[in-house]
Amino acid sequence: MRADELWSKSLLDNDVVVVGGGAAGLSAAVLLGRSRRRVVVVDAGEPRNAPAGHMHGFLSRDGTQPAELLKIGRDEVVHYGGEIRAGRVDGLERIDERGFAVRLADGGELTARALLVATGLRDELPAIPGLREQWARTVLHCPYCHGFEVRDAPLAVVGGDNRAFTLHQAQLIRQWSDDVVFFPHRIVLDDDERERLTARGVRIVDGDVARIVADGSGVSDVELADGSVVPRTAVFVGPSFRPCDELLTALGCEVGDNGWVRVDSSGRTSVSGVWAAGNVVDSPAQVINAAGAGAQAAVALNHHLLAADVDHAVARHRASGGRAESS
């Protein structure tokens, strides 16, 4: 095979492999497909928002079931020539300056000129019985996603390991209801924090939370370790956010002081040819933000590939004595 043929085929399966088929990954794959790039999305099928009944705050898709949004996205990827492959990625490895190998859990392997990792994050909840069982139903963390649906109801905020997030959340939730009880749980409030909450009309109930009680319709009570019960219809809690970034860090992507993989405004990591988008590098990102980040990364990825294409075309042009490259 001639050198020019080797480049055109690249001996690589794809221009881009996208790891993760959520909003960020699918959005990127659609735009790359529309750019006539060879793209495959590898998806383990474990979206962060799978327990949620509906998605809110996404223009034109408000109230859509998360699974329905992903189905629409997958169909669009395929429509534009992309491939969706179910499975888990076990590792990423640079082959040489041309690209990367993507090792799959089933023993298969894909190769690509560039990568986009959109593997999301894990929500680690306080170890309180009943929280996980109602998670994303009537145990919530994002009022912008679900606050309107529980407006004017008796609400609770339960303290978690993410202290700063929890205290902010207790103030924020007050916008959606006049009846908010904050259970610090194992957070010790100082006098200033107590005053600020009380001034906002947030009632503070001290003591460890023993469990979240639920009935057929969802949360009904917050039970304390002393046996007392406070009726509530929804609970907000601040999880600890853990990025699913093991693939990125194993590849050598630089991590910032905050413990998250460092990216620029387009999602470019410190490793050439590798981008990351969505919750894997941005914990506050809602679905619509993740989709936007995926689209932005796709444009940057295409420009990265284009630069290599142009450089190679120039080299071929010079080697051929100035003859124009045929299509």
C-alpha atoms as a PDB file:
ATOM      1  CA  MET A   1       0.000   0.000   0.000  1.00  0.00           C
ATOM      2  CA  ARG A   2       1.384   3.397  -0.974  1.00  0.00           C
ATOM      3  CA  ALA A   3       1.996   6.012   1.699  1.00  0.00           C
ATOM      4  CA  ASP A   4      -0.833   8.204   0.392  1.00  0.00           C
ATOM      5  CA  GLU A   5      -3.265   5.281   0.546  1.00  0.00           C
ATOM      6  CA  LEU A   6      -2.080   4.501   4.060  1.00  0.00           C
ATOM      7  CA  TRP A   7      -2.997   8.031   5.106  1.00  0.00           C
ATOM      8  CA  SER A   8      -6.364   8.085   3.369  1.00  0.00           C
ATOM      9  CA  LYS A   9      -7.385   4.858   5.064  1.00  0.00           C
ATOM     10  CA  SER A  10      -5.270   5.697   8.127  1.00  0.00           C
ATOM     11  CA  LEU A  11      -5.425   2.020   9.076  1.00  0.00           C
ATOM     12  CA  LEU A  12      -7.842   3.381  11.668  1.00  0.00           C
ATOM     13  CA  ASP A  13     -11.511   2.538  11.896  1.00  0.00           C
ATOM     14  CA  ASN A  14     -12.780   6.010  12.627  1.00  0.00           C
ATOM     15  CA  ASP A  15     -12.040   9.677  12.667  1.00  0.00           C
ATOM     16  CA  VAL A  16     -13.484   9.938  16.185  1.00  0.00           C
ATOM     17  CA  VAL A  17     -14.564   7.448  18.822  1.00  0.00           C
ATOM     18  CA  VAL A  18     -16.974   8.950  21.344  1.00  0.00           C
ATOM     19  CA  VAL A  19     -16.985   7.170  24.708  1.00  0.00           C
ATOM     20  CA  GLY A  20     -20.360   7.703  26.345  1.00  0.00           C
ATOM     21  CA  GLY A  21     -23.755   8.003  24.703  1.00  0.00           C
ATOM     22  CA  GLY A  22     -25.456  10.661  26.817  1.00  0.00           C
ATOM     23  CA  ALA A  23     -26.412  14.147  25.713  1.00  0.00           C
ATOM     24  CA  ALA A  24     -22.811  15.321  25.304  1.00  0.00           C
ATOM     25  CA  GLY A  25     -21.607  12.301  23.376  1.00  0.00           C
ATOM     26  CA  LEU A  26     -24.614  12.056  21.070  1.00  0.00           C
ATOM     27  CA  SER A  27     -24.643  15.782  20.350  1.00  0.00           C
ATOM     28  CA  ALA A  28     -20.983  15.608  19.333  1.00  0.00           C
ATOM     29  CA  ALA A  29     -21.549  12.531  17.190  1.00  0.00           C
ATOM     30  CA  VAL A  30     -24.436  14.161  15.298  1.00  0.00           C
ATOM     31  CA  LEU A  31     -22.342  17.203  14.429  1.00  0.00           C
ATOM     32  CA  LEU A  32     -19.352  15.072  13.445  1.00  0.00           C
ATOM     33  CA  GLY A  33     -21.584  12.923  11.254  1.00  0.00           C
ATOM     34  CA  ARG A  34     -22.974  16.013   9.583  1.00  0.00           C
ATOM     35  CA  SER A  35     -19.341  17.025   8.981  1.00  0.00           C
ATOM     36  CA  ARG A  36     -18.893  13.708   7.117  1.00  0.00           C
ATOM     37  CA  ARG A  37     -16.524  12.308   9.685  1.00  0.00           C
ATOM     38  CA  ARG A  38     -16.397   8.601  10.497  1.00  0.00           C
ATOM     39  CA  VAL A  39     -17.666   8.439  14.072  1.00  0.00           C
ATOM     40  CA  VAL A  40     -18.745   5.670  16.429  1.00  0.00           C
ATOM     41  CA  VAL A  41     -20.297   6.084  19.868  1.00  0.00           C
ATOM     42  CA  VAL A  42     -19.545   3.392  22.450  1.00  0.00           C
ATOM     43  CA  ASP A  43     -22.179   3.461  25.181  1.00  0.00           C
ATOM     44  CA  ALA A  44     -22.420   1.354  28.336  1.00  0.00           C
ATOM     45  CA  GLY A  45     -26.111   2.254  28.719  1.00  0.00           C
ATOM     46  CA  GLU A  46     -25.881   3.725  32.231  1.00  0.00           C
ATOM     47  CA  PRO A  47     -27.026   7.358  31.973  1.00  0.00           C
ATOM     48  CA  ARG A  48     -26.835   9.396  35.157  1.00  0.00           C
ATOM     49  CA  ASN A  49     -30.452  10.572  34.867  1.00  0.00           C
ATOM     50  CA  ALA A  50     -31.933   7.135  34.128  1.00  0.00           C
ATOM     51  CA  PRO A  51     -34.025   7.071  37.371  1.00  0.00           C
ATOM     52  CA  ALA A  52     -35.697  10.397  36.527  1.00  0.00           C
ATOM     53  CA  GLY A  53     -39.181  10.248  35.069  1.00  0.00           C
ATOM     54  CA  HIS A  54     -38.860  13.457  33.084  1.00  0.00           C
ATOM     55  CA  MET A  55     -36.259  15.973  31.998  1.00  0.00           C
ATOM     56  CA  HIS A  56     -36.767  19.707  32.388  1.00  0.00           C
ATOM     57  CA  GLY A  57     -35.044  22.889  31.305  1.00  0.00           C
ATOM     58  CA  PHE A  58     -34.186  21.639  27.801  1.00  0.00           C
ATOM     59  CA  LEU A  59     -35.654  23.996  25.222  1.00  0.00           C
ATOM     60  CA  SER A  60     -38.281  22.226  23.063  1.00  0.00           C
ATOM     61  CA  ARG A  61     -37.855  18.971  25.035  1.00  0.00           C
ATOM     62  CA  ASP A  62     -39.241  20.003  28.442  1.00  0.00           C
ATOM     63  CA  GLY A  63     -40.942  17.053  30.123  1.00  0.00           C
ATOM     64  CA  THR A  64     -39.361  14.471  27.826  1.00  0.00           C
ATOM     65  CA  GLN A  65     -38.372  11.160  29.364  1.00  0.00           C
ATOM     66  CA  PRO A  66     -34.566  10.864  29.463  1.00  0.00           C
ATOM     67  CA  ALA A  67     -34.678   7.576  27.564  1.00  0.00           C
ATOM     68  CA  GLU A  68     -36.716   9.177  24.794  1.00  0.00           C
ATOM     69  CA  LEU A  69     -34.163  11.967  24.341  1.00  0.00           C
ATOM     70  CA  LEU A  70     -31.383   9.391  24.020  1.00  0.00           C
ATOM     71  CA  LYS A  71     -33.392   7.383  21.487  1.00  0.00           C
ATOM     72  CA  ILE A  72     -33.917  10.502  19.363  1.00  0.00           C
ATOM     73  CA  GLY A  73     -30.211  11.286  19.627  1.00  0.00           C
ATOM     74  CA  ARG A  74     -29.120   7.778  18.643  1.00  0.00           C
ATOM     75  CA  ASP A  75     -31.439   7.824  15.637  1.00  0.00           C
ATOM     76  CA  GLU A  76     -29.955  11.151  14.525  1.00  0.00           C
ATOM     77  CA  VAL A  77     -26.398   9.839  14.846  1.00  0.00           C
ATOM     78  CA  VAL A  78     -27.230   6.854  12.643  1.00  0.00           C
ATOM     79  CA  HIS A  79     -29.101   9.068  10.165  1.00  0.00           C
ATOM     80  CA  TYR A  80     -25.910  11.057   9.581  1.00  0.00           C
ATOM     81  CA  GLY A  81     -23.758   7.983   9.070  1.00  0.00           C
ATOM     82  CA  GLY A  82     -22.498   7.405  12.601  1.00  0.00           C
ATOM     83  CA  GLU A  83     -22.515   4.125  14.462  1.00  0.00           C
ATOM     84  CA  ILE A  84     -23.830   3.332  17.931  1.00  0.00           C
ATOM     85  CA  ARG A  85     -22.093   0.429  19.626  1.00  0.00           C
ATOM     86  CA  ALA A  86     -23.328  -0.960  22.943  1.00  0.00           C
ATOM     87  CA  GLY A  87     -20.516  -1.836  25.294  1.00  0.00           C
ATOM     88  CA  ARG A  88     -17.993  -0.656  27.806  1.00  0.00           C
ATOM     89  CA  VAL A  89     -14.566   0.806  27.125  1.00  0.00           C
ATOM     90  CA  ASP A  90     -11.832  -0.706  29.297  1.00  0.00           C
ATOM     91  CA  GLY A  91      -8.948   1.446  28.149  1.00  0.00           C
ATOM     92  CA  LEU A  92      -7.592   4.058  25.773  1.00  0.00           C
ATOM     93  CA  GLU A  93      -4.087   3.964  24.335  1.00  0.00           C
ATOM     94  CA  ARG A  94      -2.177   6.125  21.909  1.00  0.00           C
ATOM     95  CA  ILE A  95      -0.968   4.074  18.942  1.00  0.00           C
ATOM     96  CA  ASP A  96       1.380   6.689  17.501  1.00  0.00           C
ATOM     97  CA  GLU A  97       1.019  10.219  16.156  1.00  0.00           C
ATOM     98  CA  ARG A  98      -1.865   9.049  13.973  1.00  0.00           C
ATOM     99  CA  GLY A  99      -4.312   8.147  16.678  1.00  0.00           C
ATOM    100  CA  PHE A 100      -5.604   5.880  19.420  1.00  0.00           C
ATOM    101  CA  ALA A 101      -6.739   2.359  20.219  1.00  0.00           C
ATOM    102  CA  VAL A 102      -9.981   1.921  22.156  1.00  0.00           C
ATOM    103  CA  ARG A 103     -10.094  -1.376  24.055  1.00  0.00           C
ATOM    104  CA  LEU A 104     -13.572  -2.784  24.658  1.00  0.00           C
ATOM    105  CA  ALA A 105     -14.683  -4.960  27.548  1.00  0.00           C
ATOM    106  CA  ASP A 106     -15.857  -7.673  25.147  1.00  0.00           C
ATOM    107  CA  GLY A 107     -12.313  -8.056  23.819  1.00  0.00           C
ATOM    108  CA  GLY A 108     -12.838  -5.964  20.702  1.00  0.00           C
ATOM    109  CA  GLU A 109     -10.857  -2.927  19.699  1.00  0.00           C
ATOM    110  CA  LEU A 110     -11.546   0.233  17.739  1.00  0.00           C
ATOM    111  CA  THR A 111      -9.074   2.749  16.424  1.00  0.00           C
ATOM    112  CA  ALA A 112      -9.560   6.446  15.824  1.00  0.00           C
ATOM    113  CA  ARG A 113      -7.679   9.581  14.928  1.00  0.00           C
ATOM    114  CA  ALA A 114      -9.184  11.430  17.911  1.00  0.00           C
ATOM    115  CA  LEU A 115     -11.306  10.778  21.003  1.00  0.00           C
ATOM    116  CA  LEU A 116     -14.151  12.393  22.890  1.00  0.00           C
ATOM    117  CA  VAL A 117     -14.778  11.091  26.409  1.00  0.00           C
ATOM    118  CA  ALA A 118     -18.250  11.857  27.768  1.00  0.00           C
ATOM    119  CA  THR A 119     -18.584   9.317  30.571  1.00  0.00           C
ATOM    120  CA  GLY A 120     -20.364  11.550  33.094  1.00  0.00           C
ATOM    121  CA  LEU A 121     -20.153  11.376  36.870  1.00  0.00           C
ATOM    122  CA  ARG A 122     -21.394   9.404  39.869  1.00  0.00           C
ATOM    123  CA  ASP A 123     -23.664  10.912  42.527  1.00  0.00           C
ATOM    124  CA  GLU A 124     -22.542   9.695  45.957  1.00  0.00           C
ATOM    125  CA  LEU A 125     -25.372  10.191  48.444  1.00  0.00           C
ATOM    126  CA  PRO A 126     -25.210  10.320  52.233  1.00  0.00           C
ATOM    127  CA  ALA A 127     -25.603   6.884  53.801  1.00  0.00           C
ATOM    128  CA  ILE A 128     -29.193   7.466  54.904  1.00  0.00           C
ATOM    129  CA  PRO A 129     -31.717   4.656  54.326  1.00  0.00           C
ATOM    130  CA  GLY A 130     -34.402   5.611  51.831  1.00  0.00           C
ATOM    131  CA  LEU A 131     -32.422   8.244  49.942  1.00  0.00           C
ATOM    132  CA  ARG A 132     -31.181   6.039  47.111  1.00  0.00           C
ATOM    133  CA  GLU A 133     -34.552   4.327  46.725  1.00  0.00           C
ATOM    134  CA  GLN A 134     -36.273   7.640  45.930  1.00  0.00           C
ATOM    135  CA  TRP A 135     -33.337   9.208  44.090  1.00  0.00           C
ATOM    136  CA  ALA A 136     -34.391  11.358  41.098  1.00  0.00           C
ATOM    137  CA  ARG A 137     -38.049  10.812  41.989  1.00  0.00           C
ATOM    138  CA  THR A 138     -38.835  12.636  45.225  1.00  0.00           C
ATOM    139  CA  VAL A 139     -35.250  12.774  46.492  1.00  0.00           C
ATOM    140  CA  LEU A 140     -33.639  15.434  44.317  1.00  0.00           C
ATOM    141  CA  HIS A 141     -30.587  17.636  44.073  1.00  0.00           C
ATOM    142  CA  CYS A 142     -31.228  20.163  41.277  1.00  0.00           C
ATOM    143  CA  PRO A 143     -34.084  22.656  41.770  1.00  0.00           C
ATOM    144  CA  TYR A 144     -33.618  23.971  38.231  1.00  0.00           C
ATOM    145  CA  CYS A 145     -34.391  20.470  36.976  1.00  0.00           C
ATOM    146  CA  HIS A 146     -37.182  19.512  39.398  1.00  0.00           C
ATOM    147  CA  GLY A 147     -38.006  22.416  41.718  1.00  0.00           C
ATOM    148  CA  PHE A 148     -41.019  23.659  39.778  1.00  0.00           C
ATOM    149  CA  GLU A 149     -42.680  20.235  40.023  1.00  0.00           C
ATOM    150  CA  VAL A 150     -42.586  20.389  43.860  1.00  0.00           C
ATOM    151  CA  ARG A 151     -43.276  24.122  44.212  1.00  0.00           C
ATOM    152  CA  ASP A 152     -45.206  25.243  47.299  1.00  0.00           C
ATOM    153  CA  ALA A 153     -44.909  21.761  48.834  1.00  0.00           C
ATOM    154  CA  PRO A 154     -43.378  20.946  52.255  1.00  0.00           C
ATOM    155  CA  LEU A 155     -39.727  20.461  51.307  1.00  0.00           C
ATOM    156  CA  ALA A 156     -36.655  19.226  53.132  1.00  0.00           C
ATOM    157  CA  VAL A 157     -32.965  19.799  52.564  1.00  0.00           C
ATOM    158  CA  VAL A 158     -30.728  17.175  54.172  1.00  0.00           C
ATOM    159  CA  GLY A 159     -27.082  17.882  54.861  1.00  0.00           C
ATOM    160  CA  GLY A 160     -24.545  15.834  52.938  1.00  0.00           C
ATOM    161  CA  ASP A 161     -20.791  15.516  52.645  1.00  0.00           C
ATOM    162  CA  ASN A 162     -20.752  18.303  50.065  1.00  0.00           C
ATOM    163  CA  ARG A 163     -21.070  20.991  52.755  1.00  0.00           C
ATOM    164  CA  ALA A 164     -20.828  24.153  50.643  1.00  0.00           C
ATOM    165  CA  PHE A 165     -23.269  22.780  48.093  1.00  0.00           C
ATOM    166  CA  THR A 166     -25.737  21.769  50.815  1.00  0.00           C
ATOM    167  CA  LEU A 167     -25.758  25.159  52.536  1.00  0.00           C
ATOM    168  CA  HIS A 168     -26.252  26.931  49.232  1.00  0.00           C
ATOM    169  CA  GLN A 169     -29.005  24.488  48.371  1.00  0.00           C
ATOM    170  CA  ALA A 170     -30.871  25.191  51.633  1.00  0.00           C
ATOM    171  CA  GLN A 171     -31.008  28.884  50.721  1.00  0.00           C
ATOM    172  CA  LEU A 172     -31.833  28.213  47.077  1.00  0.00           C
ATOM    173  CA  ILE A 173     -34.740  25.813  47.652  1.00  0.00           C
ATOM    174  CA  ARG A 174     -36.529  28.555  49.575  1.00  0.00           C
ATOM    175  CA  GLN A 175     -37.369  30.141  46.190  1.00  0.00           C
ATOM    176  CA  TRP A 176     -39.695  27.255  45.377  1.00  0.00           C
ATOM    177  CA  SER A 177     -41.567  26.959  48.681  1.00  0.00           C
ATOM    178  CA  ASP A 178     -42.383  28.891  51.844  1.00  0.00           C
ATOM    179  CA  ASP A 179     -42.203  25.623  53.816  1.00  0.00           C
ATOM    180  CA  VAL A 180     -38.562  24.485  53.833  1.00  0.00           C
ATOM    181  CA  VAL A 181     -36.928  22.551  56.672  1.00  0.00           C
ATOM    182  CA  PHE A 182     -33.164  22.167  56.739  1.00  0.00           C
ATOM    183  CA  PHE A 183     -31.794  19.076  58.479  1.00  0.00           C
ATOM    184  CA  PRO A 184     -28.065  19.744  58.947  1.00  0.00           C
ATOM    185  CA  HIS A 185     -27.641  16.059  59.828  1.00  0.00           C
ATOM    186  CA  ARG A 186     -23.882  15.895  60.521  1.00  0.00           C
ATOM    187  CA  ILE A 187     -23.077  19.421  59.395  1.00  0.00           C
ATOM    188  CA  VAL A 188     -22.262  21.725  62.320  1.00  0.00           C
ATOM    189  CA  LEU A 189     -23.657  25.186  61.614  1.00  0.00           C
ATOM    190  CA  ASP A 190     -22.002  28.292  62.972  1.00  0.00           C
ATOM    191  CA  ASP A 191     -24.036  31.235  64.303  1.00  0.00           C
ATOM    192  CA  ASP A 192     -23.802  33.221  61.080  1.00  0.00           C
ATOM    193  CA  GLU A 193     -25.046  30.295  58.977  1.00  0.00           C
ATOM    194  CA  ARG A 194     -27.973  29.749  61.337  1.00  0.00           C
ATOM    195  CA  GLU A 195     -28.904  33.420  61.225  1.00  0.00           C
ATOM    196  CA  ARG A 196     -28.798  33.554  57.443  1.00  0.00           C
ATOM    197  CA  LEU A 197     -31.061  30.521  57.104  1.00  0.00           C
ATOM    198  CA  THR A 198     -33.488  31.733  59.768  1.00  0.00           C
ATOM    199  CA  ALA A 199     -33.665  35.177  58.174  1.00  0.00           C
ATOM    200  CA  ARG A 200     -34.754  33.543  54.929  1.00  0.00           C
ATOM    201  CA  GLY A 201     -37.541  31.639  56.659  1.00  0.00           C
ATOM    202  CA  VAL A 202     -35.828  28.248  56.560  1.00  0.00           C
ATOM    203  CA  ARG A 203     -36.595  26.180  59.665  1.00  0.00           C
ATOM    204  CA  ILE A 204     -33.640  24.264  61.107  1.00  0.00           C
ATOM    205  CA  VAL A 205     -34.158  20.861  62.716  1.00  0.00           C
ATOM    206  CA  ASP A 206     -31.011  19.492  64.354  1.00  0.00           C
ATOM    207  CA  GLY A 207     -30.141  15.862  64.937  1.00  0.00           C
ATOM    208  CA  ASP A 208     -29.029  12.960  62.790  1.00  0.00           C
ATOM    209  CA  VAL A 209     -31.437  11.825  60.104  1.00  0.00           C
ATOM    210  CA  ALA A 210     -32.183   8.117  60.555  1.00  0.00           C
ATOM    211  CA  ARG A 211     -34.100   7.472  57.345  1.00  0.00           C
ATOM    212  CA  ILE A 212     -36.305   8.869  54.633  1.00  0.00           C
ATOM    213  CA  VAL A 213     -39.802   7.392  54.807  1.00  0.00           C
ATOM    214  CA  ALA A 214     -41.740   6.877  51.591  1.00  0.00           C
ATOM    215  CA  ASP A 215     -45.152   5.613  50.581  1.00  0.00           C
ATOM    216  CA  GLY A 216     -46.586   4.755  47.188  1.00  0.00           C
ATOM    217  CA  SER A 217     -46.417   8.328  45.968  1.00  0.00           C
ATOM    218  CA  GLY A 218     -42.893   9.066  47.172  1.00  0.00           C
ATOM    219  CA  VAL A 219     -41.334  10.708  50.237  1.00  0.00           C
ATOM    220  CA  SER A 220     -43.715  11.174  53.161  1.00  0.00           C
ATOM    221  CA  ASP A 221     -41.503  11.877  56.196  1.00  0.00           C
ATOM    222  CA  VAL A 222     -38.002  12.549  57.432  1.00  0.00           C
ATOM    223  CA  GLU A 223     -37.332  10.443  60.522  1.00  0.00           C
ATOM    224  CA  LEU A 224     -34.656  11.500  63.030  1.00  0.00           C
ATOM    225  CA  ALA A 225     -32.481   9.263  65.191  1.00  0.00           C
ATOM    226  CA  ASP A 226     -34.482  10.259  68.288  1.00  0.00           C
ATOM    227  CA  GLY A 227     -37.641   8.846  66.664  1.00  0.00           C
ATOM    228  CA  SER A 228     -39.266  12.173  65.829  1.00  0.00           C
ATOM    229  CA  VAL A 229     -40.807  12.526  62.371  1.00  0.00           C
ATOM    230  CA  VAL A 230     -41.193  15.618  60.189  1.00  0.00           C
ATOM    231  CA  PRO A 231     -43.709  15.242  57.325  1.00  0.00           C
ATOM    232  CA  ARG A 232     -42.242  16.265  53.941  1.00  0.00           C
ATOM    233  CA  THR A 233     -43.186  15.515  50.336  1.00  0.00           C
ATOM    234  CA  ALA A 234     -39.771  15.936  48.709  1.00  0.00           C
ATOM    235  CA  VAL A 235     -36.170  15.961  49.893  1.00  0.00           C
ATOM    236  CA  PHE A 236     -33.237  17.807  48.360  1.00  0.00           C
ATOM    237  CA  VAL A 237     -29.751  16.576  49.119  1.00  0.00           C
ATOM    238  CA  GLY A 238     -26.258  17.561  48.016  1.00  0.00           C
ATOM    239  CA  PRO A 239     -24.383  14.563  46.612  1.00  0.00           C
ATOM    240  CA  SER A 240     -20.644  14.338  46.310  1.00  0.00           C
ATOM    241  CA  PHE A 241     -19.888  14.429  42.599  1.00  0.00           C
ATOM    242  CA  ARG A 242     -17.282  11.893  41.399  1.00  0.00           C
ATOM    243  CA  PRO A 243     -16.242  12.183  37.743  1.00  0.00           C
ATOM    244  CA  CYS A 244     -16.037   8.925  35.803  1.00  0.00           C
ATOM    245  CA  ASP A 245     -12.685  10.029  34.417  1.00  0.00           C
ATOM    246  CA  GLU A 246     -10.539   6.938  34.878  1.00  0.00           C
ATOM    247  CA  LEU A 247     -10.049   6.572  31.117  1.00  0.00           C
ATOM    248  CA  LEU A 248      -8.836  10.151  30.860  1.00  0.00           C
ATOM    249  CA  THR A 249      -6.444  10.046  33.799  1.00  0.00           C
ATOM    250  CA  ALA A 250      -4.998   6.697  32.690  1.00  0.00           C
ATOM    251  CA  LEU A 251      -4.269   8.292  29.317  1.00  0.00           C
ATOM    252  CA  GLY A 252      -2.313  11.033  31.082  1.00  0.00           C
ATOM    253  CA  CYS A 253      -4.767  13.924  30.914  1.00  0.00           C
ATOM    254  CA  GLU A 254      -3.798  16.687  33.302  1.00  0.00           C
ATOM    255  CA  VAL A 255      -5.917  17.094  36.450  1.00  0.00           C
ATOM    256  CA  GLY A 256      -6.552  20.526  37.946  1.00  0.00           C
ATOM    257  CA  ASP A 257      -6.287  21.614  41.567  1.00  0.00           C
ATOM    258  CA  ASN A 258      -9.989  20.844  42.012  1.00  0.00           C
ATOM    259  CA  GLY A 259      -9.382  17.160  41.210  1.00  0.00           C
ATOM    260  CA  TRP A 260     -11.143  17.267  37.836  1.00  0.00           C
ATOM    261  CA  VAL A 261      -9.554  16.764  34.430  1.00  0.00           C
ATOM    262  CA  ARG A 262      -8.512  20.128  33.039  1.00  0.00           C
ATOM    263  CA  VAL A 263     -10.047  21.198  29.694  1.00  0.00           C
ATOM    264  CA  ASP A 264     -10.164  24.407  27.687  1.00  0.00           C
ATOM    265  CA  SER A 265     -13.379  26.104  26.547  1.00  0.00           C
ATOM    266  CA  SER A 266     -13.823  23.582  23.729  1.00  0.00           C
ATOM    267  CA  GLY A 267     -13.254  20.526  25.931  1.00  0.00           C
ATOM    268  CA  ARG A 268      -9.672  19.922  24.753  1.00  0.00           C
ATOM    269  CA  THR A 269      -7.586  18.061  27.342  1.00  0.00           C
ATOM    270  CA  SER A 270      -3.822  18.268  27.796  1.00  0.00           C
ATOM    271  CA  VAL A 271      -3.391  15.169  25.602  1.00  0.00           C
ATOM    272  CA  SER A 272      -3.355  16.035  21.909  1.00  0.00           C
ATOM    273  CA  GLY A 273      -6.354  14.581  20.098  1.00  0.00           C
ATOM    274  CA  VAL A 274      -8.419  13.975  23.238  1.00  0.00           C
ATOM    275  CA  TRP A 275     -11.489  15.982  24.230  1.00  0.00           C
ATOM    276  CA  ALA A 276     -13.898  15.607  27.150  1.00  0.00           C
ATOM    277  CA  ALA A 277     -17.407  17.029  27.536  1.00  0.00           C
ATOM    278  CA  GLY A 278     -20.364  16.948  29.891  1.00  0.00           C
ATOM    279  CA  ASN A 279     -20.421  15.946  33.545  1.00  0.00           C
ATOM    280  CA  VAL A 280     -17.093  14.100  33.371  1.00  0.00           C
ATOM    281  CA  VAL A 281     -15.415  17.527  33.454  1.00  0.00           C
ATOM    282  CA  ASP A 282     -18.299  19.808  34.513  1.00  0.00           C
ATOM    283  CA  SER A 283     -20.331  18.755  37.557  1.00  0.00           C
ATOM    284  CA  PRO A 284     -22.995  21.520  37.365  1.00  0.00           C
ATOM    285  CA  ALA A 285     -23.803  20.841  33.701  1.00  0.00           C
ATOM    286  CA  GLN A 286     -27.461  20.082  33.082  1.00  0.00           C
ATOM    287  CA  VAL A 287     -28.556  18.059  30.047  1.00  0.00           C
ATOM    288  CA  ILE A 288     -28.838  21.101  27.810  1.00  0.00           C
ATOM    289  CA  ASN A 289     -25.373  22.308  28.878  1.00  0.00           C
ATOM    290  CA  ALA A 290     -23.894  18.880  28.220  1.00  0.00           C
ATOM    291  CA  ALA A 291     -25.434  18.789  24.753  1.00  0.00           C
ATOM    292  CA  GLY A 292     -23.968  22.221  24.010  1.00  0.00           C
ATOM    293  CA  ALA A 293     -20.550  21.170  25.286  1.00  0.00           C
ATOM    294  CA  GLY A 294     -20.668  18.116  23.034  1.00  0.00           C
ATOM    295  CA  ALA A 295     -21.455  20.267  20.005  1.00  0.00           C
ATOM    296  CA  GLN A 296     -18.638  22.673  20.863  1.00  0.00           C
ATOM    297  CA  ALA A 297     -16.182  19.795  21.260  1.00  0.00           C
ATOM    298  CA  ALA A 298     -17.276  18.355  17.909  1.00  0.00           C
ATOM    299  CA  VAL A 299     -16.423  21.586  16.095  1.00  0.00           C
ATOM    300  CA  ALA A 300     -12.999  21.694  17.771  1.00  0.00           C
ATOM    301  CA  LEU A 301     -12.399  18.028  16.951  1.00  0.00           C
ATOM    302  CA  ASN A 302     -13.275  18.598  13.316  1.00  0.00           C
ATOM    303  CA  HIS A 303     -10.874  21.542  13.144  1.00  0.00           C
ATOM    304  CA  HIS A 304      -8.162  19.380  14.747  1.00  0.00           C
ATOM    305  CA  LEU A 305      -8.670  16.713  12.086  1.00  0.00           C
ATOM    306  CA  LEU A 306      -8.887  19.329   9.339  1.00  0.00           C
ATOM    307  CA  ALA A 307      -5.487  20.745  10.287  1.00  0.00           C
ATOM    308  CA  ALA A 308      -3.946  17.289   9.901  1.00  0.00           C
ATOM    309  CA  ASP A 309      -5.779  16.774   6.596  1.00  0.00           C
ATOM    310  CA  VAL A 310      -4.457  20.067   5.215  1.00  0.00           C
ATOM    311  CA  ASP A 311      -0.882  19.324   6.329  1.00  0.00           C
ATOM    312  CA  HIS A 312      -1.004  15.939   4.635  1.00  0.00           C
ATOM    313  CA  ALA A 313      -2.525  17.378   1.466  1.00  0.00           C
ATOM    314  CA  VAL A 314       0.290  19.937   1.262  1.00  0.00           C
ATOM    315  CA  ALA A 315       2.925  17.217   1.751  1.00  0.00           C
ATOM    316  CA  ARG A 316       1.362  15.106  -1.012  1.00  0.00           C
ATOM    317  CA  HIS A 317       1.072  18.139  -3.250  1.00  0.00           C
ATOM    318  CA  ARG A 318       4.761  18.872  -2.879  1.00  0.00           C
ATOM    319  CA  ALA A 319       5.749  15.214  -3.315  1.00  0.00           C
ATOM    320  CA  SER A 320       3.731  14.984  -6.541  1.00  0.00           C
ATOM    321  CA  GLY A 321       5.479  17.974  -8.040  1.00  0.00           C
ATOM    322  CA  GLY A 322       2.588  20.361  -7.546  1.00  0.00           C
ATOM    323  CA  ARG A 323      -0.265  18.302  -8.978  1.00  0.00           C
ATOM    324  CA  ALA A 324      -3.594  19.029  -7.311  1.00  0.00           C
ATOM    325  CA  GLU A 325      -5.005  16.298  -5.041  1.00  0.00           C
ATOM    326  CA  SER A 326      -7.867  14.474  -6.727  1.00  0.00           C
ATOM    327  CA  SER A 327     -11.112  13.803  -4.926  1.00  0.00           C
END
